[in-house]
């Protein structure tokens, strides 16, 4: 064992430039692999975060459109019967379907606890 260590140390002393080059290459390679793994994690987080913010934004827009469509329903026309049921259904169901679609998209990006809290708030409103 002692002879093996002495032989390795002699080789390093005799070939110092080569050993420094090998250690430098190994260090460079490990540093680049570490940077690559950090970039992958950062890209994954950035992509996920941007999609979650985008889904929340589109849901809020769909909610405002739904609310506006509910306010635009002519109640007097509904009570008098001048508004056809198909038109009334179109006025109410299209924004509701859009709202539900954006709600499902948002459910993909929010964690369970946050989505449950959000769900309670939207059900109450």
Foldseek 3Di string as FASTA:
>chain_A
DVVVVVVVVVVCVVPVVVVVVVVVVVVVVVVVVVVVVVVVVVVVVVVLVVQLVVLVVQLVVLVVQLVVLVVPPPPVCVVVVVDDPVNVCVSRVVSVVSNVVSLVSNVVRDDDVVNVVVVVVVVVD
